[in-house]
Amino acid sequence: FMIENEALSRHEGFENFFEIETQLIYEIHHLEKDRAKKS
């Protein structure tokens, strides 16, 4: 966990990962498949 946490700190965008995933699940649940594919 500590190693991975340190590695991820060197990459941008991961702070938004679960926000994007939540959006993806919302889009699937609302049958918005084209938006879901992009997410």
PDB file of all heavy atoms in Angstrom:
ATOM      1  N   PHE A   1       0.832  -1.205   0.000  1.00  0.00           N
ATOM      2  CA  PHE A   1       0.000   0.000   0.000  1.00  0.00           C
ATOM      3  C   PHE A   1       0.869   1.258   0.000  1.00  0.00           C
ATOM      4  O   PHE A   1       0.625   2.201  -0.762  1.00  0.00           O
ATOM      5  CB  PHE A   1      -0.930  -0.013   1.210  1.00  0.00           C
ATOM      6  CG  PHE A   1      -1.610   1.307   1.475  1.00  0.00           C
ATOM      7  CD1 PHE A   1      -2.626   1.760   0.660  1.00  0.00           C
ATOM      8  CD2 PHE A   1      -1.209   2.092   2.547  1.00  0.00           C
ATOM      9  CE1 PHE A   1      -3.241   2.984   0.897  1.00  0.00           C
ATOM     10  CE2 PHE A   1      -1.811   3.303   2.795  1.00  0.00           C
ATOM     11  CZ  PHE A   1      -2.832   3.755   1.966  1.00  0.00           C
ATOM     12  N   MET A   2       1.889   1.279   0.845  1.00  0.00           N
ATOM     13  CA  MET A   2       2.768   2.441   0.919  1.00  0.00           C
ATOM     14  C   MET A   2       3.522   2.641  -0.387  1.00  0.00           C
ATOM     15  O   MET A   2       3.682   3.774  -0.866  1.00  0.00           O
ATOM     16  CB  MET A   2       3.752   2.281   2.092  1.00  0.00           C
ATOM     17  CG  MET A   2       3.080   2.200   3.455  1.00  0.00           C
ATOM     18  SD  MET A   2       2.084   3.670   3.826  1.00  0.00           S
ATOM     19  CE  MET A   2       3.351   4.938   3.862  1.00  0.00           C
ATOM     20  N   ILE A   3       3.984   1.538  -0.976  1.00  0.00           N
ATOM     21  CA  ILE A   3       4.713   1.626  -2.249  1.00  0.00           C
ATOM     22  C   ILE A   3       3.807   2.178  -3.344  1.00  0.00           C
ATOM     23  O   ILE A   3       4.190   3.068  -4.116  1.00  0.00           O
ATOM     24  CB  ILE A   3       5.269   0.243  -2.651  1.00  0.00           C
ATOM     25  CG1 ILE A   3       6.359  -0.201  -1.667  1.00  0.00           C
ATOM     26  CG2 ILE A   3       5.804   0.268  -4.079  1.00  0.00           C
ATOM     27  CD1 ILE A   3       6.822  -1.637  -1.871  1.00  0.00           C
ATOM     28  N   GLU A   4       2.584   1.635  -3.411  1.00  0.00           N
ATOM     29  CA  GLU A   4       1.638   2.061  -4.447  1.00  0.00           C
ATOM     30  C   GLU A   4       1.232   3.517  -4.238  1.00  0.00           C
ATOM     31  O   GLU A   4       1.120   4.288  -5.201  1.00  0.00           O
ATOM     32  CB  GLU A   4       0.399   1.164  -4.442  1.00  0.00           C
ATOM     33  CG  GLU A   4      -0.575   1.423  -5.574  1.00  0.00           C
ATOM     34  CD  GLU A   4       0.009   1.114  -6.937  1.00  0.00           C
ATOM     35  OE1 GLU A   4       0.943   0.287  -7.031  1.00  0.00           O
ATOM     36  OE2 GLU A   4      -0.480   1.707  -7.924  1.00  0.00           O
ATOM     37  N   ASN A   5       1.018   3.893  -3.004  1.00  0.00           N
ATOM     38  CA  ASN A   5       0.628   5.275  -2.706  1.00  0.00           C
ATOM     39  C   ASN A   5       1.718   6.248  -3.154  1.00  0.00           C
ATOM     40  O   ASN A   5       1.436   7.312  -3.715  1.00  0.00           O
ATOM     41  CB  ASN A   5       0.373   5.420  -1.207  1.00  0.00           C
ATOM     42  CG  ASN A   5      -0.259   6.750  -0.857  1.00  0.00           C
ATOM     43  OD1 ASN A   5      -1.261   7.141  -1.439  1.00  0.00           O
ATOM     44  ND2 ASN A   5       0.330   7.444   0.096  1.00  0.00           N
ATOM     45  N   GLU A   6       2.958   5.861  -2.919  1.00  0.00           N
ATOM     46  CA  GLU A   6       4.083   6.698  -3.334  1.00  0.00           C
ATOM     47  C   GLU A   6       4.172   6.771  -4.857  1.00  0.00           C
ATOM     48  O   GLU A   6       4.416   7.847  -5.434  1.00  0.00           O
ATOM     49  CB  GLU A   6       5.383   6.127  -2.753  1.00  0.00           C
ATOM     50  CG  GLU A   6       6.639   6.898  -3.137  1.00  0.00           C
ATOM     51  CD  GLU A   6       6.677   8.295  -2.548  1.00  0.00           C
ATOM     52  OE1 GLU A   6       6.013   8.518  -1.521  1.00  0.00           O
ATOM     53  OE2 GLU A   6       7.354   9.163  -3.126  1.00  0.00           O
ATOM     54  N   ALA A   7       3.962   5.641  -5.511  1.00  0.00           N
ATOM     55  CA  ALA A   7       4.040   5.603  -6.982  1.00  0.00           C
ATOM     56  C   ALA A   7       2.959   6.472  -7.610  1.00  0.00           C
ATOM     57  O   ALA A   7       3.199   7.199  -8.586  1.00  0.00           O
ATOM     58  CB  ALA A   7       3.923   4.159  -7.469  1.00  0.00           C
ATOM     59  N   LEU A   8       1.762   6.400  -7.057  1.00  0.00           N
ATOM     60  CA  LEU A   8       0.647   7.170  -7.622  1.00  0.00           C
ATOM     61  C   LEU A   8       0.830   8.673  -7.447  1.00  0.00           C
ATOM     62  O   LEU A   8       0.279   9.461  -8.225  1.00  0.00           O
ATOM     63  CB  LEU A   8      -0.674   6.725  -6.992  1.00  0.00           C
ATOM     64  CG  LEU A   8      -1.203   5.362  -7.431  1.00  0.00           C
ATOM     65  CD1 LEU A   8      -2.476   5.007  -6.662  1.00  0.00           C
ATOM     66  CD2 LEU A   8      -1.489   5.344  -8.934  1.00  0.00           C
ATOM     67  N   SER A   9       1.586   9.058  -6.446  1.00  0.00           N
ATOM     68  CA  SER A   9       1.821  10.486  -6.229  1.00  0.00           C
ATOM     69  C   SER A   9       2.603  11.104  -7.377  1.00  0.00           C
ATOM     70  O   SER A   9       2.626  12.333  -7.536  1.00  0.00           O
ATOM     71  CB  SER A   9       2.560  10.703  -4.909  1.00  0.00           C
ATOM     72  OG  SER A   9       3.883  10.182  -4.976  1.00  0.00           O
ATOM     73  N   ARG A  10       3.252  10.256  -8.194  1.00  0.00           N
ATOM     74  CA  ARG A  10       4.016  10.762  -9.332  1.00  0.00           C
ATOM     75  C   ARG A  10       3.185  10.837 -10.607  1.00  0.00           C
ATOM     76  O   ARG A  10       3.692  11.209 -11.660  1.00  0.00           O
ATOM     77  CB  ARG A  10       5.245   9.863  -9.564  1.00  0.00           C
ATOM     78  CG  ARG A  10       6.224   9.860  -8.399  1.00  0.00           C
ATOM     79  CD  ARG A  10       7.532   9.195  -8.773  1.00  0.00           C
ATOM     80  NE  ARG A  10       7.379   7.767  -9.016  1.00  0.00           N
ATOM     81  CZ  ARG A  10       7.493   6.833  -8.070  1.00  0.00           C
ATOM     82  NH1 ARG A  10       7.751   7.193  -6.818  1.00  0.00           N
ATOM     83  NH2 ARG A  10       7.346   5.566  -8.364  1.00  0.00           N
ATOM     84  N   HIS A  11       1.907  10.452 -10.528  1.00  0.00           N
ATOM     85  CA  HIS A  11       1.036  10.482 -11.704  1.00  0.00           C
ATOM     86  C   HIS A  11      -0.143  11.413 -11.450  1.00  0.00           C
ATOM     87  O   HIS A  11      -0.724  11.412 -10.355  1.00  0.00           O
ATOM     88  CB  HIS A  11       0.516   9.070 -12.021  1.00  0.00           C
ATOM     89  CG  HIS A  11       1.599   8.097 -12.379  1.00  0.00           C
ATOM     90  ND1 HIS A  11       2.149   8.025 -13.620  1.00  0.00           N
ATOM     91  CD2 HIS A  11       2.238   7.160 -11.619  1.00  0.00           C
ATOM     92  CE1 HIS A  11       3.081   7.076 -13.648  1.00  0.00           C
ATOM     93  NE2 HIS A  11       3.155   6.539 -12.440  1.00  0.00           N
ATOM     94  N   GLU A  12      -0.488  12.175 -12.441  1.00  0.00           N
ATOM     95  CA  GLU A  12      -1.601  13.109 -12.312  1.00  0.00           C
ATOM     96  C   GLU A  12      -2.920  12.445 -12.685  1.00  0.00           C
ATOM     97  O   GLU A  12      -2.962  11.543 -13.512  1.00  0.00           O
ATOM     98  CB  GLU A  12      -1.377  14.335 -13.199  1.00  0.00           C
ATOM     99  CG  GLU A  12      -0.176  15.180 -12.795  1.00  0.00           C
ATOM    100  CD  GLU A  12      -0.050  16.412 -13.665  1.00  0.00           C
ATOM    101  OE1 GLU A  12      -0.874  16.585 -14.585  1.00  0.00           O
ATOM    102  OE2 GLU A  12       0.885  17.205 -13.420  1.00  0.00           O
ATOM    103  N   GLY A  13      -3.993  12.910 -12.088  1.00  0.00           N
ATOM    104  CA  GLY A  13      -5.333  12.488 -12.498  1.00  0.00           C
ATOM    105  C   GLY A  13      -5.987  11.466 -11.604  1.00  0.00           C
ATOM    106  O   GLY A  13      -7.210  11.298 -11.644  1.00  0.00           O
ATOM    107  N   PHE A  14      -5.179  10.756 -10.791  1.00  0.00           N
ATOM    108  CA  PHE A  14      -5.768   9.674 -10.002  1.00  0.00           C
ATOM    109  C   PHE A  14      -6.668  10.181  -8.880  1.00  0.00           C
ATOM    110  O   PHE A  14      -7.500   9.428  -8.370  1.00  0.00           O
ATOM    111  CB  PHE A  14      -4.673   8.764  -9.440  1.00  0.00           C
ATOM    112  CG  PHE A  14      -4.255   7.694 -10.396  1.00  0.00           C
ATOM    113  CD1 PHE A  14      -3.190   7.896 -11.257  1.00  0.00           C
ATOM    114  CD2 PHE A  14      -4.952   6.487 -10.481  1.00  0.00           C
ATOM    115  CE1 PHE A  14      -2.811   6.921 -12.171  1.00  0.00           C
ATOM    116  CE2 PHE A  14      -4.585   5.511 -11.387  1.00  0.00           C
ATOM    117  CZ  PHE A  14      -3.515   5.726 -12.231  1.00  0.00           C
ATOM    118  N   GLU A  15      -6.524  11.438  -8.520  1.00  0.00           N
ATOM    119  CA  GLU A  15      -7.419  11.978  -7.505  1.00  0.00           C
ATOM    120  C   GLU A  15      -8.860  12.038  -8.016  1.00  0.00           C
ATOM    121  O   GLU A  15      -9.809  12.142  -7.230  1.00  0.00           O
ATOM    122  CB  GLU A  15      -6.963  13.375  -7.061  1.00  0.00           C
ATOM    123  CG  GLU A  15      -7.009  14.433  -8.151  1.00  0.00           C
ATOM    124  CD  GLU A  15      -5.754  14.464  -9.024  1.00  0.00           C
ATOM    125  OE1 GLU A  15      -4.894  13.569  -8.846  1.00  0.00           O
ATOM    126  OE2 GLU A  15      -5.638  15.369  -9.854  1.00  0.00           O
ATOM    127  N   ASN A  16      -9.018  11.943  -9.342  1.00  0.00           N
ATOM    128  CA  ASN A  16     -10.358  11.972  -9.942  1.00  0.00           C
ATOM    129  C   ASN A  16     -10.877  10.589 -10.328  1.00  0.00           C
ATOM    130  O   ASN A  16     -11.959  10.477 -10.900  1.00  0.00           O
ATOM    131  CB  ASN A  16     -10.347  12.860 -11.201  1.00  0.00           C
ATOM    132  CG  ASN A  16      -9.976  14.290 -10.892  1.00  0.00           C
ATOM    133  OD1 ASN A  16     -10.382  14.833  -9.867  1.00  0.00           O
ATOM    134  ND2 ASN A  16      -9.201  14.907 -11.766  1.00  0.00           N
ATOM    135  N   PHE A  17     -10.089   9.538 -10.040  1.00  0.00           N
ATOM    136  CA  PHE A  17     -10.452   8.202 -10.535  1.00  0.00           C
ATOM    137  C   PHE A  17     -11.836   7.773 -10.077  1.00  0.00           C
ATOM    138  O   PHE A  17     -12.688   7.379 -10.877  1.00  0.00           O
ATOM    139  CB  PHE A  17      -9.412   7.171 -10.080  1.00  0.00           C
ATOM    140  CG  PHE A  17      -9.613   5.809 -10.686  1.00  0.00           C
ATOM    141  CD1 PHE A  17      -8.980   5.459 -11.866  1.00  0.00           C
ATOM    142  CD2 PHE A  17     -10.448   4.863 -10.086  1.00  0.00           C
ATOM    143  CE1 PHE A  17      -9.166   4.214 -12.446  1.00  0.00           C
ATOM    144  CE2 PHE A  17     -10.644   3.618 -10.647  1.00  0.00           C
ATOM    145  CZ  PHE A  17      -9.999   3.290 -11.835  1.00  0.00           C
ATOM    146  N   PHE A  18     -12.091   7.854  -8.781  1.00  0.00           N
ATOM    147  CA  PHE A  18     -13.365   7.351  -8.266  1.00  0.00           C
ATOM    148  C   PHE A  18     -14.515   8.295  -8.596  1.00  0.00           C
ATOM    149  O   PHE A  18     -15.672   7.864  -8.681  1.00  0.00           O
ATOM    150  CB  PHE A  18     -13.266   7.090  -6.759  1.00  0.00           C
ATOM    151  CG  PHE A  18     -12.370   5.917  -6.448  1.00  0.00           C
ATOM    152  CD1 PHE A  18     -11.122   6.114  -5.874  1.00  0.00           C
ATOM    153  CD2 PHE A  18     -12.762   4.629  -6.763  1.00  0.00           C
ATOM    154  CE1 PHE A  18     -10.290   5.038  -5.613  1.00  0.00           C
ATOM    155  CE2 PHE A  18     -11.939   3.538  -6.505  1.00  0.00           C
ATOM    156  CZ  PHE A  18     -10.695   3.746  -5.929  1.00  0.00           C
ATOM    157  N   GLU A  19     -14.208   9.549  -8.798  1.00  0.00           N
ATOM    158  CA  GLU A  19     -15.240  10.485  -9.268  1.00  0.00           C
ATOM    159  C   GLU A  19     -15.691  10.097 -10.680  1.00  0.00           C
ATOM    160  O   GLU A  19     -16.887  10.086 -10.984  1.00  0.00           O
ATOM    161  CB  GLU A  19     -14.689  11.907  -9.258  1.00  0.00           C
ATOM    162  CG  GLU A  19     -15.684  12.957  -9.743  1.00  0.00           C
ATOM    163  CD  GLU A  19     -15.092  14.351  -9.750  1.00  0.00           C
ATOM    164  OE1 GLU A  19     -14.166  14.618  -8.962  1.00  0.00           O
ATOM    165  OE2 GLU A  19     -15.557  15.186 -10.555  1.00  0.00           O
ATOM    166  N   ILE A  20     -14.715   9.764 -11.529  1.00  0.00           N
ATOM    167  CA  ILE A  20     -15.045   9.328 -12.897  1.00  0.00           C
ATOM    168  C   ILE A  20     -15.788   8.000 -12.857  1.00  0.00           C
ATOM    169  O   ILE A  20     -16.755   7.785 -13.586  1.00  0.00           O
ATOM    170  CB  ILE A  20     -13.765   9.203 -13.755  1.00  0.00           C
ATOM    171  CG1 ILE A  20     -13.068  10.555 -13.878  1.00  0.00           C
ATOM    172  CG2 ILE A  20     -14.106   8.661 -15.147  1.00  0.00           C
ATOM    173  CD1 ILE A  20     -11.677  10.469 -14.484  1.00  0.00           C
ATOM    174  N   GLU A  21     -15.362   7.092 -11.973  1.00  0.00           N
ATOM    175  CA  GLU A  21     -16.025   5.805 -11.861  1.00  0.00           C
ATOM    176  C   GLU A  21     -17.464   5.968 -11.394  1.00  0.00           C
ATOM    177  O   GLU A  21     -18.376   5.297 -11.914  1.00  0.00           O
ATOM    178  CB  GLU A  21     -15.270   4.900 -10.897  1.00  0.00           C
ATOM    179  CG  GLU A  21     -15.861   3.504 -10.800  1.00  0.00           C
ATOM    180  CD  GLU A  21     -15.117   2.630  -9.807  1.00  0.00           C
ATOM    181  OE1 GLU A  21     -15.290   2.846  -8.593  1.00  0.00           O
ATOM    182  OE2 GLU A  21     -14.362   1.744 -10.251  1.00  0.00           O
ATOM    183  N   THR A  22     -17.691   6.857 -10.441  1.00  0.00           N
ATOM    184  CA  THR A  22     -19.058   7.129  -9.984  1.00  0.00           C
ATOM    185  C   THR A  22     -19.902   7.665 -11.124  1.00  0.00           C
ATOM    186  O   THR A  22     -21.072   7.284 -11.295  1.00  0.00           O
ATOM    187  CB  THR A  22     -19.036   8.152  -8.826  1.00  0.00           C
ATOM    188  OG1 THR A  22     -18.292   7.601  -7.731  1.00  0.00           O
ATOM    189  CG2 THR A  22     -20.455   8.473  -8.358  1.00  0.00           C
ATOM    190  N   GLN A  23     -19.311   8.539 -11.933  1.00  0.00           N
ATOM    191  CA  GLN A  23     -20.010   9.072 -13.102  1.00  0.00           C
ATOM    192  C   GLN A  23     -20.319   7.950 -14.092  1.00  0.00           C
ATOM    193  O   GLN A  23     -21.422   7.887 -14.648  1.00  0.00           O
ATOM    194  CB  GLN A  23     -19.140  10.136 -13.772  1.00  0.00           C
ATOM    195  CG  GLN A  23     -19.730  10.735 -15.050  1.00  0.00           C
ATOM    196  CD  GLN A  23     -18.782  11.760 -15.668  1.00  0.00           C
ATOM    197  OE1 GLN A  23     -18.074  12.473 -14.959  1.00  0.00           O
ATOM    198  NE2 GLN A  23     -18.764  11.825 -16.990  1.00  0.00           N
ATOM    199  N   LEU A  24     -19.350   7.051 -14.298  1.00  0.00           N
ATOM    200  CA  LEU A  24     -19.543   5.916 -15.197  1.00  0.00           C
ATOM    201  C   LEU A  24     -20.721   5.058 -14.756  1.00  0.00           C
ATOM    202  O   LEU A  24     -21.587   4.700 -15.574  1.00  0.00           O
ATOM    203  CB  LEU A  24     -18.271   5.069 -15.237  1.00  0.00           C
ATOM    204  CG  LEU A  24     -18.370   3.691 -15.902  1.00  0.00           C
ATOM    205  CD1 LEU A  24     -18.683   3.831 -17.389  1.00  0.00           C
ATOM    206  CD2 LEU A  24     -17.086   2.905 -15.693  1.00  0.00           C
ATOM    207  N   ILE A  25     -20.786   4.733 -13.478  1.00  0.00           N
ATOM    208  CA  ILE A  25     -21.863   3.892 -12.960  1.00  0.00           C
ATOM    209  C   ILE A  25     -23.212   4.596 -13.116  1.00  0.00           C
ATOM    210  O   ILE A  25     -24.215   3.973 -13.467  1.00  0.00           O
ATOM    211  CB  ILE A  25     -21.582   3.516 -11.492  1.00  0.00           C
ATOM    212  CG1 ILE A  25     -20.353   2.599 -11.438  1.00  0.00           C
ATOM    213  CG2 ILE A  25     -22.783   2.815 -10.867  1.00  0.00           C
ATOM    214  CD1 ILE A  25     -19.824   2.382 -10.036  1.00  0.00           C
ATOM    215  N   TYR A  26     -23.218   5.906 -12.871  1.00  0.00           N
ATOM    216  CA  TYR A  26     -24.446   6.690 -13.058  1.00  0.00           C
ATOM    217  C   TYR A  26     -24.897   6.617 -14.517  1.00  0.00           C
ATOM    218  O   TYR A  26     -26.084   6.421 -14.812  1.00  0.00           O
ATOM    219  CB  TYR A  26     -24.204   8.139 -12.654  1.00  0.00           C
ATOM    220  CG  TYR A  26     -25.373   9.061 -12.941  1.00  0.00           C
ATOM    221  CD1 TYR A  26     -26.375   9.263 -11.982  1.00  0.00           C
ATOM    222  CD2 TYR A  26     -25.476   9.730 -14.155  1.00  0.00           C
ATOM    223  CE1 TYR A  26     -27.449  10.102 -12.249  1.00  0.00           C
ATOM    224  CE2 TYR A  26     -26.542  10.568 -14.429  1.00  0.00           C
ATOM    225  CZ  TYR A  26     -27.523  10.750 -13.470  1.00  0.00           C
ATOM    226  OH  TYR A  26     -28.591  11.574 -13.754  1.00  0.00           O
ATOM    227  N   GLU A  27     -23.959   6.771 -15.435  1.00  0.00           N
ATOM    228  CA  GLU A  27     -24.289   6.767 -16.869  1.00  0.00           C
ATOM    229  C   GLU A  27     -24.806   5.402 -17.310  1.00  0.00           C
ATOM    230  O   GLU A  27     -25.763   5.317 -18.083  1.00  0.00           O
ATOM    231  CB  GLU A  27     -23.053   7.174 -17.680  1.00  0.00           C
ATOM    232  CG  GLU A  27     -22.699   8.644 -17.512  1.00  0.00           C
ATOM    233  CD  GLU A  27     -21.277   8.981 -17.923  1.00  0.00           C
ATOM    234  OE1 GLU A  27     -20.460   8.046 -18.127  1.00  0.00           O
ATOM    235  OE2 GLU A  27     -20.956  10.174 -18.011  1.00  0.00           O
ATOM    236  N   ILE A  28     -24.189   4.337 -16.813  1.00  0.00           N
ATOM    237  CA  ILE A  28     -24.675   3.000 -17.140  1.00  0.00           C
ATOM    238  C   ILE A  28     -26.077   2.805 -16.583  1.00  0.00           C
ATOM    239  O   ILE A  28     -26.977   2.328 -17.273  1.00  0.00           O
ATOM    240  CB  ILE A  28     -23.720   1.922 -16.586  1.00  0.00           C
ATOM    241  CG1 ILE A  28     -22.366   1.992 -17.294  1.00  0.00           C
ATOM    242  CG2 ILE A  28     -24.340   0.526 -16.760  1.00  0.00           C
ATOM    243  CD1 ILE A  28     -21.312   1.091 -16.668  1.00  0.00           C
ATOM    244  N   HIS A  29     -26.267   3.188 -15.324  1.00  0.00           N
ATOM    245  CA  HIS A  29     -27.556   3.009 -14.660  1.00  0.00           C
ATOM    246  C   HIS A  29     -28.660   3.782 -15.376  1.00  0.00           C
ATOM    247  O   HIS A  29     -29.817   3.344 -15.401  1.00  0.00           O
ATOM    248  CB  HIS A  29     -27.467   3.458 -13.208  1.00  0.00           C
ATOM    249  CG  HIS A  29     -28.686   3.140 -12.399  1.00  0.00           C
ATOM    250  ND1 HIS A  29     -29.003   1.855 -12.019  1.00  0.00           N
ATOM    251  CD2 HIS A  29     -29.682   3.933 -11.932  1.00  0.00           C
ATOM    252  CE1 HIS A  29     -30.145   1.875 -11.340  1.00  0.00           C
ATOM    253  NE2 HIS A  29     -30.574   3.121 -11.268  1.00  0.00           N
ATOM    254  N   HIS A  30     -28.310   4.914 -15.992  1.00  0.00           N
ATOM    255  CA  HIS A  30     -29.287   5.726 -16.714  1.00  0.00           C
ATOM    256  C   HIS A  30     -29.244   5.457 -18.217  1.00  0.00           C
ATOM    257  O   HIS A  30     -29.766   6.247 -19.015  1.00  0.00           O
ATOM    258  CB  HIS A  30     -29.066   7.211 -16.418  1.00  0.00           C
ATOM    259  CG  HIS A  30     -29.474   7.595 -15.029  1.00  0.00           C
ATOM    260  ND1 HIS A  30     -28.667   7.365 -13.921  1.00  0.00           N
ATOM    261  CD2 HIS A  30     -30.614   8.162 -14.545  1.00  0.00           C
ATOM    262  CE1 HIS A  30     -29.289   7.783 -12.833  1.00  0.00           C
ATOM    263  NE2 HIS A  30     -30.468   8.265 -13.176  1.00  0.00           N
ATOM    264  N   LEU A  31     -28.602   4.361 -18.596  1.00  0.00           N
ATOM    265  CA  LEU A  31     -28.595   3.851 -19.971  1.00  0.00           C
ATOM    266  C   LEU A  31     -27.958   4.819 -20.962  1.00  0.00           C
ATOM    267  O   LEU A  31     -28.286   4.812 -22.154  1.00  0.00           O
ATOM    268  CB  LEU A  31     -30.030   3.504 -20.419  1.00  0.00           C
ATOM    269  CG  LEU A  31     -30.882   2.694 -19.427  1.00  0.00           C
ATOM    270  CD1 LEU A  31     -32.235   2.362 -20.035  1.00  0.00           C
ATOM    271  CD2 LEU A  31     -30.155   1.422 -19.008  1.00  0.00           C
ATOM    272  N   GLU A  32     -27.015   5.643 -20.479  1.00  0.00           N
ATOM    273  CA  GLU A  32     -26.312   6.591 -21.338  1.00  0.00           C
ATOM    274  C   GLU A  32     -25.022   5.937 -21.836  1.00  0.00           C
ATOM    275  O   GLU A  32     -23.909   6.270 -21.426  1.00  0.00           O
ATOM    276  CB  GLU A  32     -26.006   7.873 -20.563  1.00  0.00           C
ATOM    277  CG  GLU A  32     -27.255   8.592 -20.061  1.00  0.00           C
ATOM    278  CD  GLU A  32     -26.938   9.780 -19.174  1.00  0.00           C
ATOM    279  OE1 GLU A  32     -25.741  10.063 -18.938  1.00  0.00           O
ATOM    280  OE2 GLU A  32     -27.877  10.430 -18.705  1.00  0.00           O
ATOM    281  N   LYS A  33     -25.184   4.990 -22.747  1.00  0.00           N
ATOM    282  CA  LYS A  33     -24.049   4.128 -23.087  1.00  0.00           C
ATOM    283  C   LYS A  33     -22.918   4.860 -23.798  1.00  0.00           C
ATOM    284  O   LYS A  33     -21.746   4.525 -23.589  1.00  0.00           O
ATOM    285  CB  LYS A  33     -24.515   2.924 -23.905  1.00  0.00           C
ATOM    286  CG  LYS A  33     -25.139   3.234 -25.246  1.00  0.00           C
ATOM    287  CD  LYS A  33     -25.576   1.945 -25.922  1.00  0.00           C
ATOM    288  CE  LYS A  33     -26.205   2.217 -27.285  1.00  0.00           C
ATOM    289  NZ  LYS A  33     -26.660   0.970 -27.927  1.00  0.00           N
ATOM    290  N   ASP A  34     -23.204   5.854 -24.638  1.00  0.00           N
ATOM    291  CA  ASP A  34     -22.126   6.560 -25.333  1.00  0.00           C
ATOM    292  C   ASP A  34     -21.265   7.346 -24.346  1.00  0.00           C
ATOM    293  O   ASP A  34     -20.036   7.346 -24.442  1.00  0.00           O
ATOM    294  CB  ASP A  34     -22.706   7.499 -26.400  1.00  0.00           C
ATOM    295  CG  ASP A  34     -23.323   6.736 -27.566  1.00  0.00           C
ATOM    296  OD1 ASP A  34     -22.900   5.588 -27.796  1.00  0.00           O
ATOM    297  OD2 ASP A  34     -24.214   7.281 -28.229  1.00  0.00           O
ATOM    298  N   ARG A  35     -21.915   8.007 -23.389  1.00  0.00           N
ATOM    299  CA  ARG A  35     -21.154   8.713 -22.359  1.00  0.00           C
ATOM    300  C   ARG A  35     -20.398   7.733 -21.479  1.00  0.00           C
ATOM    301  O   ARG A  35     -19.258   7.996 -21.074  1.00  0.00           O
ATOM    302  CB  ARG A  35     -22.102   9.560 -21.511  1.00  0.00           C
ATOM    303  CG  ARG A  35     -22.693  10.755 -22.241  1.00  0.00           C
ATOM    304  CD  ARG A  35     -23.521  11.617 -21.308  1.00  0.00           C
ATOM    305  NE  ARG A  35     -24.055  12.779 -21.976  1.00  0.00           N
ATOM    306  CZ  ARG A  35     -24.776  13.727 -21.388  1.00  0.00           C
ATOM    307  NH1 ARG A  35     -25.036  13.623 -20.087  1.00  0.00           N
ATOM    308  NH2 ARG A  35     -25.226  14.761 -22.061  1.00  0.00           N
ATOM    309  N   ALA A  36     -21.024   6.599 -21.183  1.00  0.00           N
ATOM    310  CA  ALA A  36     -20.367   5.594 -20.346  1.00  0.00           C
ATOM    311  C   ALA A  36     -19.110   5.059 -21.021  1.00  0.00           C
ATOM    312  O   ALA A  36     -18.077   4.838 -20.362  1.00  0.00           O
ATOM    313  CB  ALA A  36     -21.336   4.454 -20.046  1.00  0.00           C
ATOM    314  N   LYS A  37     -19.165   4.862 -22.322  1.00  0.00           N
ATOM    315  CA  LYS A  37     -17.986   4.374 -23.055  1.00  0.00           C
ATOM    316  C   LYS A  37     -16.838   5.376 -22.951  1.00  0.00           C
ATOM    317  O   LYS A  37     -15.675   4.993 -22.779  1.00  0.00           O
ATOM    318  CB  LYS A  37     -18.346   4.114 -24.515  1.00  0.00           C
ATOM    319  CG  LYS A  37     -19.249   2.905 -24.723  1.00  0.00           C
ATOM    320  CD  LYS A  37     -19.647   2.748 -26.185  1.00  0.00           C
ATOM    321  CE  LYS A  37     -20.606   1.569 -26.364  1.00  0.00           C
ATOM    322  NZ  LYS A  37     -21.043   1.407 -27.777  1.00  0.00           N
ATOM    323  N   LYS A  38     -17.158   6.666 -23.030  1.00  0.00           N
ATOM    324  CA  LYS A  38     -16.126   7.694 -22.919  1.00  0.00           C
ATOM    325  C   LYS A  38     -15.545   7.731 -21.505  1.00  0.00           C
ATOM    326  O   LYS A  38     -14.324   7.883 -21.331  1.00  0.00           O
ATOM    327  CB  LYS A  38     -16.705   9.063 -23.292  1.00  0.00           C
ATOM    328  CG  LYS A  38     -17.054   9.199 -24.775  1.00  0.00           C
ATOM    329  CD  LYS A  38     -17.671  10.560 -25.077  1.00  0.00           C
ATOM    330  CE  LYS A  38     -18.044  10.666 -26.555  1.00  0.00           C
ATOM    331  NZ  LYS A  38     -18.688  11.977 -26.865  1.00  0.00           N
ATOM    332  N   SER A  39     -16.399   7.595 -20.510  1.00  0.00           N
ATOM    333  CA  SER A  39     -15.910   7.592 -19.130  1.00  0.00           C
ATOM    334  C   SER A  39     -14.997   6.403 -18.868  1.00  0.00           C
ATOM    335  O   SER A  39     -13.966   6.521 -18.196  1.00  0.00           O
ATOM    336  CB  SER A  39     -17.088   7.575 -18.147  1.00  0.00           C
ATOM    337  OG  SER A  39     -17.843   8.771 -18.240  1.00  0.00           O
TER     338      SER A  39
END
